[in-house]
Amino acid sequence: MSSRSDQHSPDTRSPQTPGPDTRGADTLEAVGESAALARIFPRLPAAASALLGPGDDAAVVAAPDGRFVVTTDMMIHGPDFRLAWSTPHDLGWKAAASNLSDVAAMGAVPSALVVAIAAPADSPVGLLEGIADGLRDACEALSPGCGVVGGDLSVSGTLTIAVTAFGDLEGRAPVLRSGARVGDVVAVAGVLGEAASALRLLFADAVDDRGEPDAALAAALRPAAAAQLTPRPPIWAGPVAARGGATAMLDLSDGLAIDSGRLAAASGVGIDFEGRLLGDDSALALAGGEDHSLLATFPAGAALPEGFRRIGVCVDGSGIGVDGVAYDPAGWDPYRDWSGSAG
C-alpha cells in the first residue's frame, strides 16, 4: 500500500457537506444502517471470484492458484479529497482505481474489493449510493470481473473510505520492487504529472475569495481536472508487464521521483531518467503524485510490452538522476505535507 494525495492545504469546509447531487435526501441517521445497506448493495459490482458475497459475516473468494495479492488504502476528507470538488461518484471511482492499481503493480489481476466507509450521521444516504455507483463503474471500466464482496459502515465526523483489494496472480510469481538490475530499461504505462496538474488547476481556479474550495467553480473545470478526480490507471498493463518479463514494478501514487527512488533502493540500483522522455514539464512529471501509472523495469534489449514506453535506465549506484545529474526525490508524504484538518 502507498499513501497518496497532495490535497493537503487546510480546508475549513464542513466534512458533513456532500456534493450537490445528494442534498435533500434521507440521512443515514434517519434511515439507519440496515436500510442504508439495502439501498447500497444492489448498486455494488459483483465479483466473478466471489463464492459467497455480501450478507454473511465474511465473504468467500476463490484463490485459483492457492495465493492472493492483498492491499489496502484509505481516503480521508481533507488530506485526500474535498467534497466541494469531488462528487460521491468520483470518490467511489478513485477509491477503486487507487487500490486496483496497487494490485496490478504486483502483476496480478484484481479480483475483489472490501469497502469500509465512516460518514457523519447527517450525511444523505445518496452520498453512499453515489460512492457505490463510482465503485461499480470504476471496476467495470478498469478491471471487469472485479467487484465488492463486503465491507462495513460506521459513523465519524470526517468522511473516510477504506478499501482492501485482492488479486489473482494466475500462477505467476509476483513482480516485486526489488528485482531491477543494472542495465534494465525503466518504462511507464500511463500518464505522468497529469493528476498533479489538475490539482494545481483546482487550487488556482476552483476556490472562492477566501481560498476555500468552491463546488460551482470546480464543476466548470471537471473535464480538465479528470486526471485528479477520476484517474484511469492502466490496470490491464500490470499482468501484461508480468507476462512480458518485468523485473520490478510499482504503482506511481506519490510521484515518479519518490516512487522510483523506492524501487531503486529496494533493488540496490540507481535510476537515470531521460528528461526529454518525461514530457513537456519534466519537473511536474517527477514530483506530481496520484497518477497511479505503473513504473516497471525490463531486461535490456527486451521488447517492451504493449502500453509501456521507455523513460530511463537502471545504472550502477543509488538514488535517481535526470540526464546523469542527481535528482532529490520529492513527492507526497502525509505526515510531513499535511498541515491542517478537514474542519
Protein backbone atom coordinates (compact mmCIF):
# COMPACT_ATOMS: atom_id res chain seq x y z
CA MET A 1 0.00 0.00 0.00
CA SER A 2 1.13 3.52 -0.72
CA SER A 3 -0.25 6.67 0.87
CA ARG A 4 -1.15 9.32 -1.62
CA SER A 5 -2.59 12.74 -2.23
CA ASP A 6 -1.33 16.25 -2.32
CA GLN A 7 -4.64 17.89 -1.43
CA HIS A 8 -3.03 18.99 1.82
CA SER A 9 -3.91 22.67 2.08
CA PRO A 10 -6.09 23.22 5.18
CA ASP A 11 -9.83 23.10 4.47
CA THR A 12 -12.40 24.64 6.80
CA ARG A 13 -15.35 23.30 4.84
CA SER A 14 -17.58 21.07 6.97
CA PRO A 15 -16.94 17.36 6.33
CA GLN A 16 -20.71 16.83 6.58
CA THR A 17 -21.33 18.80 3.37
CA PRO A 18 -21.67 16.41 0.42
CA GLY A 19 -21.65 17.18 -3.28
CA PRO A 20 -24.69 18.96 -4.70
CA ASP A 21 -26.27 15.79 -6.12
CA THR A 22 -27.06 14.33 -2.68
CA ARG A 23 -28.63 17.25 -0.81
CA GLY A 24 -32.20 16.88 0.41
CA ALA A 25 -32.03 13.07 0.56
CA ASP A 26 -32.73 10.90 3.61
CA THR A 27 -29.89 10.94 6.09
CA LEU A 28 -28.03 7.94 7.41
CA GLU A 29 -29.22 8.82 10.90
CA ALA A 30 -32.85 8.81 9.77
CA VAL A 31 -32.86 5.53 7.84
CA GLY A 32 -30.34 3.51 9.89
CA GLU A 33 -27.63 1.07 8.86
CA SER A 34 -29.81 -1.80 7.63
CA ALA A 35 -31.92 0.36 5.34
CA ALA A 36 -28.82 2.14 4.03
CA LEU A 37 -27.15 -1.18 3.23
CA ALA A 38 -30.30 -2.38 1.48
CA ARG A 39 -30.04 0.63 -0.83
CA ILE A 40 -26.30 0.26 -1.40
CA PHE A 41 -25.92 -3.48 -2.06
CA PRO A 42 -27.85 -3.52 -5.37
CA ARG A 43 -25.55 -0.79 -6.71
CA LEU A 44 -22.28 -2.59 -5.95
CA PRO A 45 -20.46 -4.64 -8.59
CA ALA A 46 -20.39 -8.41 -8.15
CA ALA A 47 -17.01 -10.15 -8.19
CA ALA A 48 -16.52 -13.04 -10.59
CA SER A 49 -14.26 -14.69 -7.99
CA ALA A 50 -16.81 -14.50 -5.16
CA LEU A 51 -18.03 -17.84 -3.91
CA LEU A 52 -20.03 -16.02 -1.24
CA GLY A 53 -20.67 -12.29 -1.45
CA PRO A 54 -22.13 -9.68 0.92
CA GLY A 55 -24.68 -10.76 3.51
CA ASP A 56 -22.79 -13.03 5.93
CA ASP A 57 -20.12 -12.17 8.48
CA ALA A 58 -17.44 -12.64 5.85
CA ALA A 59 -17.17 -13.26 2.12
CA VAL A 60 -15.59 -16.28 0.47
CA VAL A 61 -13.37 -15.55 -2.54
CA ALA A 62 -11.68 -18.10 -4.80
CA ALA A 63 -7.87 -18.19 -4.93
CA PRO A 64 -7.29 -20.36 -8.01
CA ASP A 65 -3.54 -20.88 -7.56
CA GLY A 66 -3.65 -21.02 -3.76
CA ARG A 67 -2.35 -17.47 -3.27
CA PHE A 68 -3.76 -13.98 -3.47
CA VAL A 69 -2.41 -10.44 -3.52
CA VAL A 70 -3.90 -8.10 -0.90
CA THR A 71 -3.51 -4.36 -0.35
CA THR A 72 -5.40 -1.60 1.46
CA ASP A 73 -5.71 2.15 1.13
CA MET A 74 -7.66 5.00 2.78
CA MET A 75 -9.17 8.25 1.55
CA ILE A 76 -10.00 10.90 4.16
CA HIS A 77 -11.82 14.18 3.64
CA GLY A 78 -9.28 16.96 3.90
CA PRO A 79 -5.88 15.46 3.05
CA ASP A 80 -7.14 13.14 0.29
CA PHE A 81 -10.21 14.79 -1.24
CA ARG A 82 -12.54 17.76 -0.96
CA LEU A 83 -16.30 17.31 -1.07
CA ALA A 84 -16.58 20.67 -2.81
CA TRP A 85 -14.58 19.30 -5.73
CA SER A 86 -15.43 15.59 -5.82
CA THR A 87 -18.87 14.08 -6.30
CA PRO A 88 -19.70 10.90 -4.38
CA HIS A 89 -19.31 9.02 -7.67
CA ASP A 90 -15.81 10.49 -8.03
CA LEU A 91 -14.90 9.26 -4.56
CA GLY A 92 -16.03 5.71 -5.26
CA TRP A 93 -14.22 5.69 -8.59
CA LYS A 94 -10.96 7.00 -7.15
CA ALA A 95 -11.08 4.67 -4.14
CA ALA A 96 -11.39 1.72 -6.50
CA ALA A 97 -8.80 2.96 -9.01
CA SER A 98 -6.06 3.58 -6.44
CA ASN A 99 -6.42 0.08 -5.00
CA LEU A 100 -6.79 -1.69 -8.33
CA SER A 101 -3.52 -0.07 -9.38
CA ASP A 102 -1.66 -1.44 -6.36
CA VAL A 103 -2.85 -4.95 -7.23
CA ALA A 104 -1.86 -4.51 -10.88
CA ALA A 105 1.59 -3.32 -9.80
CA MET A 106 2.25 -6.81 -8.42
CA GLY A 107 1.41 -8.29 -11.82
CA ALA A 108 -1.94 -9.58 -10.53
CA VAL A 109 -5.47 -9.36 -11.85
CA PRO A 110 -7.80 -7.58 -9.37
CA SER A 111 -10.46 -9.98 -8.13
CA ALA A 112 -12.35 -8.46 -5.19
CA LEU A 113 -12.74 -5.37 -3.01
CA VAL A 114 -13.84 -4.94 0.61
CA VAL A 115 -15.01 -1.41 1.37
CA ALA A 116 -15.45 0.32 4.74
CA ILE A 117 -16.98 3.79 4.98
CA ALA A 118 -17.29 6.06 8.01
CA ALA A 119 -19.52 9.09 7.48
CA PRO A 120 -21.25 11.78 9.56
CA ALA A 121 -24.68 10.64 10.75
CA ASP A 122 -26.43 13.52 8.97
CA SER A 123 -24.99 12.56 5.59
CA PRO A 124 -27.62 11.82 2.92
CA VAL A 125 -27.92 8.13 2.03
CA GLY A 126 -27.37 9.37 -1.52
CA LEU A 127 -23.78 10.05 -0.57
CA LEU A 128 -23.17 6.31 -0.04
CA GLU A 129 -25.23 5.41 -3.11
CA GLY A 130 -23.04 7.69 -5.20
CA ILE A 131 -19.88 6.14 -3.79
CA ALA A 132 -21.26 2.69 -4.56
CA ASP A 133 -22.03 3.74 -8.13
CA GLY A 134 -18.47 5.03 -8.52
CA LEU A 135 -17.02 1.78 -7.22
CA ARG A 136 -19.17 -0.17 -9.67
CA ASP A 137 -18.34 1.99 -12.69
CA ALA A 138 -14.59 2.01 -11.96
CA CYS A 139 -14.46 -1.77 -11.62
CA GLU A 140 -16.43 -2.24 -14.83
CA ALA A 141 -14.25 0.21 -16.75
CA LEU A 142 -10.81 -0.57 -15.33
CA SER A 143 -10.97 -4.21 -14.24
CA PRO A 144 -14.05 -6.10 -15.41
CA GLY A 145 -14.87 -9.04 -13.16
CA CYS A 146 -13.59 -7.36 -10.01
CA GLY A 147 -16.33 -6.47 -7.54
CA VAL A 148 -17.20 -5.63 -3.96
CA VAL A 149 -17.65 -8.68 -1.71
CA GLY A 150 -18.23 -6.99 1.64
CA GLY A 151 -17.32 -4.16 3.99
CA ASP A 152 -18.55 -2.07 6.88
CA LEU A 153 -20.37 1.17 7.67
CA SER A 154 -19.66 3.38 10.67
CA VAL A 155 -20.16 6.93 11.87
CA SER A 156 -17.47 9.62 12.03
CA GLY A 157 -17.20 13.37 11.96
CA THR A 158 -14.94 13.02 8.92
CA LEU A 159 -15.90 11.09 5.80
CA THR A 160 -13.42 8.22 5.41
CA ILE A 161 -13.30 5.48 2.76
CA ALA A 162 -11.07 2.44 3.25
CA VAL A 163 -10.71 -0.21 0.56
CA THR A 164 -8.97 -3.57 0.73
CA ALA A 165 -8.29 -5.13 -2.66
CA PHE A 166 -7.43 -8.71 -3.61
CA GLY A 167 -5.77 -10.01 -6.76
CA ASP A 168 -5.11 -13.25 -8.62
CA LEU A 169 -1.52 -13.96 -9.71
CA GLU A 170 -2.76 -16.57 -12.20
CA GLY A 171 0.11 -18.90 -11.34
CA ARG A 172 2.83 -16.30 -11.89
CA ALA A 173 5.39 -15.08 -9.38
CA PRO A 174 4.56 -11.59 -8.08
CA VAL A 175 6.55 -8.72 -9.57
CA LEU A 176 8.38 -7.04 -6.68
CA ARG A 177 10.13 -3.71 -6.30
CA SER A 178 13.39 -5.47 -5.62
CA GLY A 179 14.08 -7.22 -8.92
CA ALA A 180 15.60 -4.49 -11.08
CA ARG A 181 19.21 -4.91 -12.23
CA VAL A 182 21.83 -2.58 -13.71
CA GLY A 183 21.13 -2.16 -17.42
CA ASP A 184 17.39 -2.79 -17.15
CA VAL A 185 15.17 -0.43 -19.11
CA VAL A 186 12.83 1.74 -17.00
CA ALA A 187 9.39 2.16 -18.57
CA VAL A 188 5.99 3.52 -17.63
CA ALA A 189 2.41 2.73 -18.59
CA GLY A 190 0.04 5.63 -18.07
CA VAL A 191 0.39 9.37 -17.65
CA LEU A 192 2.97 11.42 -15.77
CA GLY A 193 2.09 14.61 -13.92
CA GLU A 194 -1.49 14.94 -15.17
CA ALA A 195 -3.14 14.42 -11.76
CA ALA A 196 -0.84 17.00 -10.16
CA SER A 197 -1.52 19.43 -12.99
CA ALA A 198 -5.26 19.00 -12.46
CA LEU A 199 -4.88 19.54 -8.72
CA ARG A 200 -2.87 22.69 -9.35
CA LEU A 201 -5.73 23.91 -11.56
CA LEU A 202 -8.31 23.22 -8.85
CA PHE A 203 -6.34 25.09 -6.19
CA ALA A 204 -5.86 28.02 -8.59
CA ASP A 205 -9.31 28.32 -10.17
CA ALA A 206 -11.79 26.36 -8.03
CA VAL A 207 -11.52 28.34 -4.80
CA ASP A 208 -13.52 31.31 -3.57
CA ASP A 209 -12.23 34.70 -2.48
CA ARG A 210 -11.18 33.20 0.88
CA GLY A 211 -9.22 30.43 -0.79
CA GLU A 212 -11.77 27.75 0.13
CA PRO A 213 -12.79 25.00 -2.36
CA ASP A 214 -15.85 26.07 -4.34
CA ALA A 215 -18.21 23.48 -5.84
CA ALA A 216 -19.61 25.70 -8.60
CA LEU A 217 -16.18 26.73 -9.82
CA ALA A 218 -14.97 23.13 -9.69
CA ALA A 219 -17.94 21.93 -11.77
CA ALA A 220 -16.82 24.08 -14.68
CA LEU A 221 -13.32 22.56 -14.50
CA ARG A 222 -14.34 18.90 -14.32
CA PRO A 223 -13.10 17.88 -17.79
CA ALA A 224 -9.71 19.49 -17.19
CA ALA A 225 -9.47 18.03 -13.68
CA ALA A 226 -10.49 14.48 -14.57
CA ALA A 227 -6.99 13.04 -14.07
CA GLN A 228 -7.20 14.07 -10.41
CA LEU A 229 -10.88 13.42 -9.69
CA THR A 230 -11.40 10.20 -11.68
CA PRO A 231 -8.00 8.72 -12.61
CA ARG A 232 -7.91 5.94 -15.21
CA PRO A 233 -4.78 3.90 -14.44
CA PRO A 234 -3.89 1.14 -16.93
CA ILE A 235 -4.83 -1.79 -14.67
CA TRP A 236 -4.64 -4.22 -17.59
CA ALA A 237 -0.95 -3.35 -18.07
CA GLY A 238 0.16 -4.93 -14.77
CA PRO A 239 -0.42 -8.56 -15.80
CA VAL A 240 0.84 -7.69 -19.30
CA ALA A 241 4.12 -6.47 -17.79
CA ALA A 242 4.43 -9.61 -15.67
CA ARG A 243 3.92 -11.84 -18.68
CA GLY A 244 6.38 -9.66 -20.61
CA GLY A 245 9.24 -10.30 -18.19
CA ALA A 246 9.11 -7.25 -15.91
CA THR A 247 11.89 -7.47 -13.33
CA ALA A 248 10.38 -4.90 -10.94
CA MET A 249 7.23 -2.78 -10.81
CA LEU A 250 5.27 -0.38 -8.61
CA ASP A 251 2.29 1.98 -8.69
CA LEU A 252 3.09 5.70 -9.05
CA SER A 253 0.94 7.14 -6.29
CA ASP A 254 3.33 9.56 -4.57
CA GLY A 255 5.15 10.83 -7.67
CA LEU A 256 7.67 9.42 -10.12
CA ALA A 257 10.71 10.70 -8.24
CA ILE A 258 9.88 9.39 -4.79
CA ASP A 259 8.34 6.13 -6.00
CA SER A 260 11.16 5.32 -8.41
CA GLY A 261 13.55 6.04 -5.57
CA ARG A 262 11.80 3.34 -3.57
CA LEU A 263 12.19 0.86 -6.40
CA ALA A 264 15.84 1.80 -6.82
CA ALA A 265 16.54 1.38 -3.10
CA ALA A 266 14.75 -1.98 -2.94
CA SER A 267 16.69 -3.25 -5.97
CA GLY A 268 20.08 -1.81 -4.99
CA VAL A 269 20.45 0.17 -8.22
CA GLY A 270 20.33 3.75 -9.40
CA ILE A 271 17.83 5.04 -11.96
CA ASP A 272 18.65 7.64 -14.58
CA PHE A 273 15.75 9.23 -16.46
CA GLU A 274 15.96 10.92 -19.85
CA GLY A 275 14.43 14.34 -19.38
CA ARG A 276 13.12 14.54 -22.94
CA LEU A 277 11.10 11.37 -22.36
CA LEU A 278 9.27 12.75 -19.32
CA GLY A 279 7.07 15.17 -21.28
CA ASP A 280 6.89 18.92 -21.63
CA ASP A 281 7.09 19.54 -17.87
CA SER A 282 9.64 17.09 -16.52
CA ALA A 283 9.58 18.68 -13.04
CA LEU A 284 5.85 18.08 -12.74
CA ALA A 285 6.23 14.56 -14.11
CA LEU A 286 8.82 13.80 -11.44
CA ALA A 287 7.14 15.41 -8.44
CA GLY A 288 3.43 15.07 -9.19
CA GLY A 289 1.54 12.30 -7.42
CA GLU A 290 -1.71 10.35 -7.83
CA ASP A 291 -1.35 9.40 -11.48
CA HIS A 292 -1.44 5.72 -10.43
CA SER A 293 0.52 4.79 -13.53
CA LEU A 294 2.71 1.70 -13.49
CA LEU A 295 6.50 2.01 -13.41
CA ALA A 296 8.33 -1.16 -14.44
CA THR A 297 11.80 -2.35 -15.39
CA PHE A 298 12.59 -4.82 -18.16
CA PRO A 299 15.80 -6.59 -19.22
CA ALA A 300 18.00 -4.64 -21.61
CA GLY A 301 17.17 -5.46 -25.21
CA ALA A 302 13.76 -6.93 -24.41
CA ALA A 303 10.76 -5.69 -26.37
CA LEU A 304 8.57 -3.53 -24.15
CA PRO A 305 5.04 -4.91 -23.65
CA GLU A 306 2.04 -3.08 -25.06
CA GLY A 307 1.27 0.13 -23.21
CA PHE A 308 4.79 0.74 -21.84
CA ARG A 309 7.22 3.40 -23.05
CA ARG A 310 10.89 3.80 -22.14
CA ILE A 311 11.82 6.72 -19.87
CA GLY A 312 15.19 5.70 -18.40
CA VAL A 313 17.64 3.01 -17.41
CA CYS A 314 18.89 1.31 -14.24
CA VAL A 315 22.51 2.25 -13.51
CA ASP A 316 25.21 1.29 -11.05
CA GLY A 317 24.93 3.26 -7.81
CA SER A 318 21.94 4.52 -5.85
CA GLY A 319 19.24 7.16 -5.97
CA ILE A 320 17.78 8.71 -9.09
CA GLY A 321 19.03 11.18 -11.64
CA VAL A 322 17.93 13.00 -14.78
CA ASP A 323 20.28 13.05 -17.74
CA GLY A 324 23.13 11.96 -15.49
CA VAL A 325 22.54 14.65 -12.84
CA ALA A 326 21.42 13.54 -9.35
CA TYR A 327 17.82 14.48 -8.53
CA ASP A 328 16.50 14.97 -4.99
CA PRO A 329 13.23 12.99 -4.80
CA ALA A 330 10.12 14.96 -3.99
CA GLY A 331 6.55 13.78 -3.57
CA TRP A 332 3.67 13.43 -1.15
CA ASP A 333 4.34 12.47 2.47
CA PRO A 334 1.13 12.57 4.57
CA TYR A 335 2.96 13.26 7.82
CA ARG A 336 5.23 16.00 6.51
CA ASP A 337 2.93 17.62 3.96
CA TRP A 338 -0.43 17.63 5.73
CA SER A 339 -0.63 20.79 7.84
CA GLY A 340 -4.25 21.10 8.85
CA SER A 341 -7.53 19.35 9.50
CA ALA A 342 -10.67 18.97 7.42
CA GLY A 343 -12.63 21.16 9.77
